[in-house]
Amino acid sequence: MRLHVAARTLHRTMSSNAFEHLKVDRRGALLDVTLNRPKKLNALNLEMVRELQSAFDAAEASQGCVALALRGEGERAFCAGGDIVAVRAAGLEDKPTTPFFREEYALNARTGALRESRVVQCSFWDGFTFGGGVGLSVHGKYRIATEKTQLAMPEVAIGLFPDVGASLALASTPGRAGEYAALTGARLDAADVVALGLATHCVASSSIDEIRDALAALDGDQPPAAFADAVDATLRRFHVAPAGAPAVRAHADAIDACFSEPDVRSILTALDADASPFCADAAAAIRRGSPTAAAVTLEAIRRARGAKLDDVLRTDFRVMTNMVRPSSTLSADFYEGVRAALVDKDRSPAWRPAPDDVAAYFEAPGDGFEELVL
């Protein structure tokens, strides 16, 4: 019943533009969904998450197979993450801080589940793809880089950790590239994300409209596996080689040697011992962030290696709840990090290092905490 209602809702939406934060259009086998908060670099908020769930409902309720194209409005970003400033503001006003994450993680889980459905998700990383934008897309079937791709998980810099199941995707990359990307918040370009297997395809930004037209023209009545192959073949028809060599491959030996160390302190010691500018930059990036968040991040990446997405998301919810609840003794760096980076913008956070508390972040919070149900 819910899916049939969603299909009717989508039909009305496409004619009345009822979505506040999305543009949705159905053409043939294509459901075109555009994140529409360009002034906020298409950052996710709770309303957008709920609208995306409705769009996904409609896609699954459709007859035949559907290519679900996700992209961002404007020239700069696919999605620059979640609206963390709003979460901080809620906490400071003693309002609930976790409902957004509960619903966001459910959406992340759904994108992973769609891999085996009639709905083939195609996410176009045409610009900034940070934090929640990674979680919205990286678990989906096809992830398409362009020459504008800048993908990052920069949470350590604001006293958080790479959530949205991103630790699983990062842990699945070759060698210790996941630890490197998570701890430094490095921006990965098209060459990097293709080399790491995070992107499945690379196309020219200027070809996206033509790709969407080609997806719309596909036969949605074929079997799901054949349809997914047809989507893949369409994307490959527009393939371009990423410009330049991937930095993560050029520095793979140093990354693997330094980031295989058992803890953040040892990683920094190894980076300092290397005379290369690359290692110096990596060490400086880690030191700019929250020491506690870095330790939690390293633990999260290593726990995620070989795990299932739903289990990683449940762990993420525990950790995030501990990090953002204003009543938690573990939340100080989040409030300070967001203040320094995004509110006052003085770039001078006063961190409260507590690396010995890492295990506590992975424990279930008290005060009536309810586990994430997926």
Protein backbone atom coordinates (compact mmCIF):
# COMPACT_ATOMS: atom_id res chain seq x y z
CA MET A 1 0.00 0.00 0.00
CA ARG A 2 2.77 2.44 0.94
CA LEU A 3 4.46 2.01 -2.47
CA HIS A 4 1.25 2.58 -4.42
CA VAL A 5 0.58 5.75 -2.43
CA ALA A 6 4.16 6.84 -3.11
CA ALA A 7 3.71 6.32 -6.84
CA ARG A 8 0.57 8.48 -6.85
CA THR A 9 2.39 11.08 -4.75
CA LEU A 10 5.28 11.20 -7.21
CA HIS A 11 2.88 11.63 -10.13
CA ARG A 12 1.32 14.64 -8.39
CA THR A 13 4.74 15.93 -7.40
CA MET A 14 6.10 16.01 -10.92
CA SER A 15 3.22 18.19 -12.00
CA SER A 16 2.96 20.38 -8.88
CA ASN A 17 6.62 20.55 -7.80
CA ALA A 18 5.51 19.67 -4.25
CA PHE A 19 8.99 18.68 -3.10
CA GLU A 20 10.75 21.54 -1.35
CA HIS A 21 14.32 20.27 -1.62
CA LEU A 22 14.23 18.00 -4.68
CA LYS A 23 13.46 18.24 -8.36
CA VAL A 24 11.95 15.00 -9.62
CA ASP A 25 11.18 14.02 -13.19
CA ARG A 26 10.14 10.68 -14.71
CA ARG A 27 10.98 10.01 -18.36
CA GLY A 28 10.79 6.50 -19.75
CA ALA A 29 13.06 4.25 -17.70
CA LEU A 30 14.66 7.23 -15.93
CA LEU A 31 13.68 8.72 -12.58
CA ASP A 32 15.72 11.92 -12.43
CA VAL A 33 16.22 13.22 -8.87
CA THR A 34 18.10 16.47 -8.30
CA LEU A 35 19.13 17.64 -4.84
CA ASN A 36 17.95 21.23 -4.85
CA ARG A 37 19.66 23.31 -2.16
CA PRO A 38 22.38 24.92 -4.29
CA LYS A 39 23.00 27.81 -1.88
CA LYS A 40 23.85 25.19 0.77
CA LEU A 41 25.83 23.09 -1.75
CA ASN A 42 22.90 20.65 -1.66
CA ALA A 43 23.58 19.72 1.97
CA LEU A 44 21.15 17.20 3.42
CA ASN A 45 18.62 18.16 6.07
CA LEU A 46 15.87 16.06 7.60
CA GLU A 47 13.25 17.24 5.13
CA MET A 48 15.43 16.33 2.15
CA VAL A 49 16.13 12.88 3.60
CA ARG A 50 12.40 12.26 3.92
CA GLU A 51 11.75 13.53 0.41
CA LEU A 52 14.43 11.17 -0.92
CA GLN A 53 12.73 8.26 0.84
CA SER A 54 9.49 9.22 -0.90
CA ALA A 55 11.22 9.37 -4.28
CA PHE A 56 12.80 5.96 -3.64
CA ASP A 57 9.38 4.60 -2.65
CA ALA A 58 7.99 5.78 -5.96
CA ALA A 59 10.87 4.26 -7.92
CA GLU A 60 10.30 0.87 -6.30
CA ALA A 61 6.55 1.12 -6.92
CA SER A 62 7.03 1.74 -10.63
CA GLN A 63 6.27 -0.87 -13.24
CA GLY A 64 9.42 -2.36 -14.74
CA CYS A 65 13.01 -1.35 -14.07
CA VAL A 66 14.11 2.17 -13.26
CA ALA A 67 17.40 4.04 -13.59
CA LEU A 68 17.43 6.37 -10.58
CA ALA A 69 19.77 9.26 -11.42
CA LEU A 70 20.92 11.34 -8.44
CA ARG A 71 22.65 14.65 -9.06
CA GLY A 72 23.04 18.06 -7.46
CA GLU A 73 21.62 21.39 -8.57
CA GLY A 74 24.14 24.04 -9.56
CA GLU A 75 27.69 23.94 -10.84
CA ARG A 76 29.57 23.26 -7.61
CA ALA A 77 28.32 20.25 -5.69
CA PHE A 78 26.62 16.89 -5.78
CA CYS A 79 26.09 17.09 -2.01
CA ALA A 80 28.38 18.72 0.53
CA GLY A 81 27.21 16.57 3.44
CA GLY A 82 24.67 16.92 6.21
CA ASP A 83 23.56 20.18 7.77
CA ILE A 84 25.80 19.84 10.82
CA VAL A 85 25.35 23.47 11.86
CA ALA A 86 21.64 22.76 12.37
CA VAL A 87 22.46 19.71 14.51
CA ARG A 88 24.77 21.79 16.70
CA ALA A 89 22.14 24.52 17.04
CA ALA A 90 19.55 21.96 18.14
CA GLY A 91 21.91 20.64 20.79
CA LEU A 92 22.65 24.10 22.14
CA GLU A 93 18.90 24.68 22.48
CA ASP A 94 18.55 21.36 24.32
CA LYS A 95 16.56 19.88 21.43
CA PRO A 96 17.00 16.31 20.11
CA THR A 97 20.11 15.95 17.95
CA THR A 98 19.81 12.38 16.69
CA PRO A 99 16.54 12.16 14.65
CA PHE A 100 18.35 13.41 11.53
CA PHE A 101 21.01 10.70 11.80
CA ARG A 102 18.47 7.95 12.51
CA GLU A 103 16.61 8.74 9.29
CA GLU A 104 19.73 9.51 7.27
CA TYR A 105 21.29 6.15 8.13
CA ALA A 106 18.06 4.36 7.19
CA LEU A 107 18.33 6.05 3.79
CA ASN A 108 21.99 4.98 3.52
CA ALA A 109 20.98 1.38 4.23
CA ARG A 110 18.28 1.59 1.60
CA THR A 111 20.72 2.68 -1.11
CA GLY A 112 22.73 -0.46 -0.37
CA ALA A 113 19.63 -2.65 -0.53
CA LEU A 114 18.65 -1.19 -3.91
CA ARG A 115 21.66 -2.93 -5.49
CA GLU A 116 19.59 -6.11 -5.70
CA SER A 117 16.34 -4.48 -6.83
CA ARG A 118 14.78 -3.30 -10.08
CA VAL A 119 15.98 0.22 -9.26
CA VAL A 120 19.50 0.98 -10.49
CA GLN A 121 20.94 3.97 -8.64
CA CYS A 122 23.34 6.16 -10.64
CA SER A 123 24.94 8.95 -8.61
CA PHE A 124 26.79 11.70 -10.46
CA TRP A 125 29.68 13.04 -8.35
CA ASP A 126 29.82 16.24 -10.38
CA GLY A 127 31.47 18.54 -7.83
CA PHE A 128 31.87 18.48 -4.06
CA THR A 129 30.83 15.14 -2.57
CA PHE A 130 31.41 15.28 1.16
CA GLY A 131 30.17 13.43 4.23
CA GLY A 132 26.47 12.71 3.89
CA GLY A 133 26.75 13.06 0.12
CA VAL A 134 29.15 10.12 0.15
CA GLY A 135 26.75 8.10 2.31
CA LEU A 136 23.85 8.86 -0.02
CA SER A 137 25.70 7.49 -3.02
CA VAL A 138 28.70 5.28 -2.29
CA HIS A 139 26.62 2.23 -1.29
CA GLY A 140 24.58 2.45 -4.51
CA LYS A 141 25.06 0.46 -7.70
CA TYR A 142 26.89 2.98 -9.89
CA ARG A 143 28.96 6.00 -8.82
CA ILE A 144 30.02 8.29 -11.64
CA ALA A 145 32.99 10.64 -11.33
CA THR A 146 33.64 13.67 -13.53
CA GLU A 147 36.52 16.11 -13.92
CA LYS A 148 34.81 18.18 -11.19
CA THR A 149 34.74 15.43 -8.56
CA GLN A 150 36.09 16.36 -5.13
CA LEU A 151 35.20 13.60 -2.68
CA ALA A 152 36.11 13.78 1.00
CA MET A 153 35.18 12.71 4.50
CA PRO A 154 36.43 15.76 6.45
CA GLU A 155 34.69 15.03 9.75
CA VAL A 156 37.79 14.76 11.95
CA ALA A 157 38.39 18.47 11.34
CA ILE A 158 35.12 19.31 13.12
CA GLY A 159 35.34 16.77 15.93
CA LEU A 160 33.33 14.02 14.24
CA PHE A 161 34.11 10.78 12.42
CA PRO A 162 33.25 9.42 8.94
CA ASP A 163 29.73 8.10 9.53
CA VAL A 164 26.95 7.19 7.01
CA GLY A 165 28.63 3.80 6.52
CA ALA A 166 31.56 5.52 4.81
CA SER A 167 34.03 3.66 7.00
CA LEU A 168 32.96 0.46 5.22
CA ALA A 169 33.58 1.96 1.77
CA LEU A 170 36.92 3.41 2.86
CA ALA A 171 37.99 0.18 4.54
CA SER A 172 37.29 -1.63 1.25
CA THR A 173 39.83 0.43 -0.70
CA PRO A 174 43.30 -0.98 -1.49
CA GLY A 175 45.92 -1.02 1.24
CA ARG A 176 45.54 1.68 3.89
CA ALA A 177 44.07 4.33 1.62
CA GLY A 178 40.91 4.31 3.72
CA GLU A 179 42.76 5.24 6.88
CA TYR A 180 44.61 7.97 4.98
CA ALA A 181 41.45 9.50 3.51
CA ALA A 182 39.51 9.33 6.77
CA LEU A 183 42.18 10.73 9.07
CA THR A 184 43.36 13.54 6.80
CA GLY A 185 40.05 14.46 5.13
CA ALA A 186 41.96 14.51 1.84
CA ARG A 187 39.99 15.58 -1.22
CA LEU A 188 40.00 12.82 -3.80
CA ASP A 189 39.63 13.70 -7.47
CA ALA A 190 38.31 11.57 -10.31
CA ALA A 191 41.61 9.76 -10.80
CA ASP A 192 41.76 8.90 -7.09
CA VAL A 193 38.19 7.64 -6.72
CA VAL A 194 38.49 5.50 -9.85
CA ALA A 195 41.82 4.04 -8.71
CA LEU A 196 40.38 3.25 -5.27
CA GLY A 197 37.25 1.62 -6.68
CA LEU A 198 34.97 4.17 -5.05
CA ALA A 199 33.73 5.30 -8.48
CA THR A 200 32.50 2.76 -11.00
CA HIS A 201 32.63 5.10 -14.01
CA CYS A 202 34.14 8.39 -15.16
CA VAL A 203 32.47 10.70 -17.67
CA ALA A 204 32.74 14.31 -18.80
CA SER A 205 30.53 16.68 -16.85
CA SER A 206 29.23 18.08 -20.13
CA SER A 207 27.87 14.65 -21.13
CA ILE A 208 25.55 14.15 -18.14
CA ASP A 209 22.43 15.46 -19.88
CA GLU A 210 23.07 13.18 -22.86
CA ILE A 211 23.61 10.24 -20.49
CA ARG A 212 20.29 10.93 -18.80
CA ASP A 213 18.55 10.95 -22.18
CA ALA A 214 20.16 7.61 -23.03
CA LEU A 215 19.07 6.11 -19.70
CA ALA A 216 15.52 7.31 -20.26
CA ALA A 217 15.47 5.47 -23.61
CA LEU A 218 16.39 2.08 -22.14
CA ASP A 219 13.89 -0.78 -22.10
CA GLY A 220 12.58 -0.98 -18.54
CA ASP A 221 10.67 -4.21 -19.21
CA GLN A 222 13.76 -6.43 -19.41
CA PRO A 223 14.90 -8.57 -16.46
CA PRO A 224 16.59 -6.60 -13.65
CA ALA A 225 20.06 -8.07 -14.24
CA ALA A 226 19.89 -7.31 -17.95
CA PHE A 227 18.65 -3.79 -17.23
CA ALA A 228 21.52 -3.15 -14.81
CA ASP A 229 23.93 -4.35 -17.49
CA ALA A 230 22.30 -2.01 -20.01
CA VAL A 231 22.75 0.92 -17.62
CA ASP A 232 26.39 -0.06 -17.15
CA ALA A 233 26.91 -0.29 -20.92
CA THR A 234 25.33 3.14 -21.37
CA LEU A 235 27.64 4.70 -18.80
CA ARG A 236 30.67 2.98 -20.35
CA ARG A 237 29.75 4.36 -23.74
CA PHE A 238 30.43 7.84 -22.34
CA HIS A 239 33.63 6.84 -20.50
CA VAL A 240 36.57 9.23 -20.38
CA ALA A 241 39.90 8.58 -18.70
CA PRO A 242 40.44 10.70 -15.58
CA ALA A 243 42.93 13.50 -16.07
CA GLY A 244 46.25 13.09 -14.31
CA ALA A 245 47.67 10.30 -12.20
CA PRO A 246 45.99 9.33 -8.93
CA ALA A 247 47.90 10.72 -5.96
CA VAL A 248 46.78 7.81 -3.81
CA ARG A 249 48.52 5.41 -6.18
CA ALA A 250 51.68 7.51 -6.52
CA HIS A 251 52.04 7.57 -2.72
CA ALA A 252 50.65 4.10 -2.03
CA ASP A 253 53.85 2.77 -0.46
CA ALA A 254 54.06 5.65 2.03
CA ILE A 255 50.35 5.43 2.80
CA ASP A 256 50.51 1.71 3.47
CA ALA A 257 53.66 1.97 5.57
CA CYS A 258 52.50 4.86 7.76
CA PHE A 259 48.78 4.22 8.07
CA SER A 260 49.18 0.54 8.97
CA GLU A 261 50.54 1.63 12.37
CA PRO A 262 48.37 0.58 15.33
CA ASP A 263 47.30 4.03 16.58
CA VAL A 264 47.22 7.68 15.57
CA ARG A 265 50.30 8.59 17.58
CA SER A 266 52.32 5.90 15.79
CA ILE A 267 50.94 6.99 12.43
CA LEU A 268 52.09 10.55 13.11
CA THR A 269 55.53 9.32 14.17
CA ALA A 270 55.85 7.36 10.92
CA LEU A 271 54.72 10.34 8.84
CA ASP A 272 57.17 12.63 10.60
CA ALA A 273 60.00 10.20 9.89
CA ASP A 274 59.32 10.39 6.16
CA ALA A 275 60.93 13.41 4.49
CA SER A 276 58.39 13.73 1.68
CA PRO A 277 56.06 16.75 1.37
CA PHE A 278 53.15 14.34 0.96
CA CYS A 279 53.70 12.82 4.41
CA ALA A 280 54.30 16.23 5.96
CA ASP A 281 50.99 17.47 4.56
CA ALA A 282 49.19 14.36 5.82
CA ALA A 283 50.61 14.78 9.32
CA ALA A 284 49.66 18.45 9.40
CA ALA A 285 46.09 17.63 8.33
CA ILE A 286 45.71 15.08 11.12
CA ARG A 287 47.09 17.49 13.71
CA ARG A 288 44.60 20.19 12.70
CA GLY A 289 41.72 17.89 13.59
CA SER A 290 40.39 16.62 16.88
CA PRO A 291 42.81 14.09 18.43
CA THR A 292 39.90 12.20 19.94
CA ALA A 293 37.93 12.15 16.69
CA ALA A 294 41.02 10.86 14.88
CA ALA A 295 41.37 7.99 17.35
CA VAL A 296 37.66 7.14 17.04
CA THR A 297 37.91 7.31 13.24
CA LEU A 298 40.84 4.90 13.09
CA GLU A 299 38.96 2.44 15.28
CA ALA A 300 35.82 2.79 13.15
CA ILE A 301 37.69 2.08 9.91
CA ARG A 302 39.31 -1.02 11.35
CA ARG A 303 36.06 -2.34 12.83
CA ALA A 304 34.33 -1.83 9.47
CA ARG A 305 36.81 -3.89 7.46
CA GLY A 306 34.88 -6.99 6.34
CA ALA A 307 31.64 -5.96 8.09
CA LYS A 308 28.10 -5.61 6.69
CA LEU A 309 26.64 -2.20 5.88
CA ASP A 310 23.71 -2.45 8.31
CA ASP A 311 26.03 -3.41 11.16
CA VAL A 312 28.37 -0.52 10.38
CA LEU A 313 25.44 1.91 10.35
CA ARG A 314 24.23 0.65 13.72
CA THR A 315 27.70 1.25 15.13
CA ASP A 316 27.80 4.66 13.48
CA PHE A 317 24.57 5.58 15.24
CA ARG A 318 25.99 4.70 18.64
CA VAL A 319 29.16 6.69 18.02
CA MET A 320 27.34 9.68 16.55
CA THR A 321 24.86 9.78 19.42
CA ASN A 322 27.72 9.90 21.89
CA MET A 323 29.38 12.65 19.86
CA VAL A 324 26.43 15.03 19.41
CA ARG A 325 24.28 14.63 22.53
CA PRO A 326 24.79 17.82 24.53
CA SER A 327 24.38 15.86 27.77
CA SER A 328 27.20 13.51 26.81
CA THR A 329 30.65 13.98 28.30
CA LEU A 330 31.98 12.81 24.92
CA SER A 331 30.50 15.62 22.79
CA ALA A 332 32.76 18.59 23.57
CA ASP A 333 34.91 18.39 20.43
CA PHE A 334 31.90 18.29 18.09
CA TYR A 335 30.44 21.51 19.45
CA GLU A 336 33.84 23.21 19.48
CA GLY A 337 34.85 21.92 16.05
CA VAL A 338 31.68 23.08 14.30
CA ARG A 339 31.91 26.44 16.07
CA ALA A 340 35.47 27.03 14.89
CA ALA A 341 34.99 25.79 11.32
CA LEU A 342 31.42 26.69 10.39
CA VAL A 343 29.94 29.18 12.87
CA ASP A 344 32.56 31.66 14.10
CA LYS A 345 34.99 30.47 11.41
CA ASP A 346 38.07 31.42 13.42
CA ARG A 347 39.70 28.07 12.54
CA SER A 348 41.09 27.86 16.08
CA PRO A 349 39.33 25.02 17.87
CA ALA A 350 40.23 24.35 21.50
CA TRP A 351 40.23 20.55 21.42
CA ARG A 352 39.90 18.48 24.58
CA PRO A 353 41.98 15.40 23.78
CA ALA A 354 40.66 12.20 25.35
CA PRO A 355 42.16 9.35 23.30
CA ASP A 356 41.75 6.95 26.22
CA ASP A 357 37.96 7.28 25.91
CA VAL A 358 37.76 5.74 22.42
CA ALA A 359 36.00 2.55 23.53
CA ALA A 360 33.29 4.59 25.26
CA TYR A 361 32.16 6.08 21.95
CA PHE A 362 31.25 2.62 20.65
CA GLU A 363 29.14 1.73 23.69
CA ALA A 364 25.39 2.26 23.82
CA PRO A 365 24.62 5.65 25.38
CA GLY A 366 22.40 5.73 28.46
CA ASP A 367 19.34 7.92 29.07
CA GLY A 368 16.82 5.85 27.13
CA PHE A 369 18.96 5.36 24.02
CA GLU A 370 17.27 3.28 21.30
CA GLU A 371 19.42 1.33 18.87
CA LEU A 372 19.12 2.00 15.14
CA VAL A 373 16.62 -0.40 13.59
CA LEU A 374 17.07 -1.13 9.88
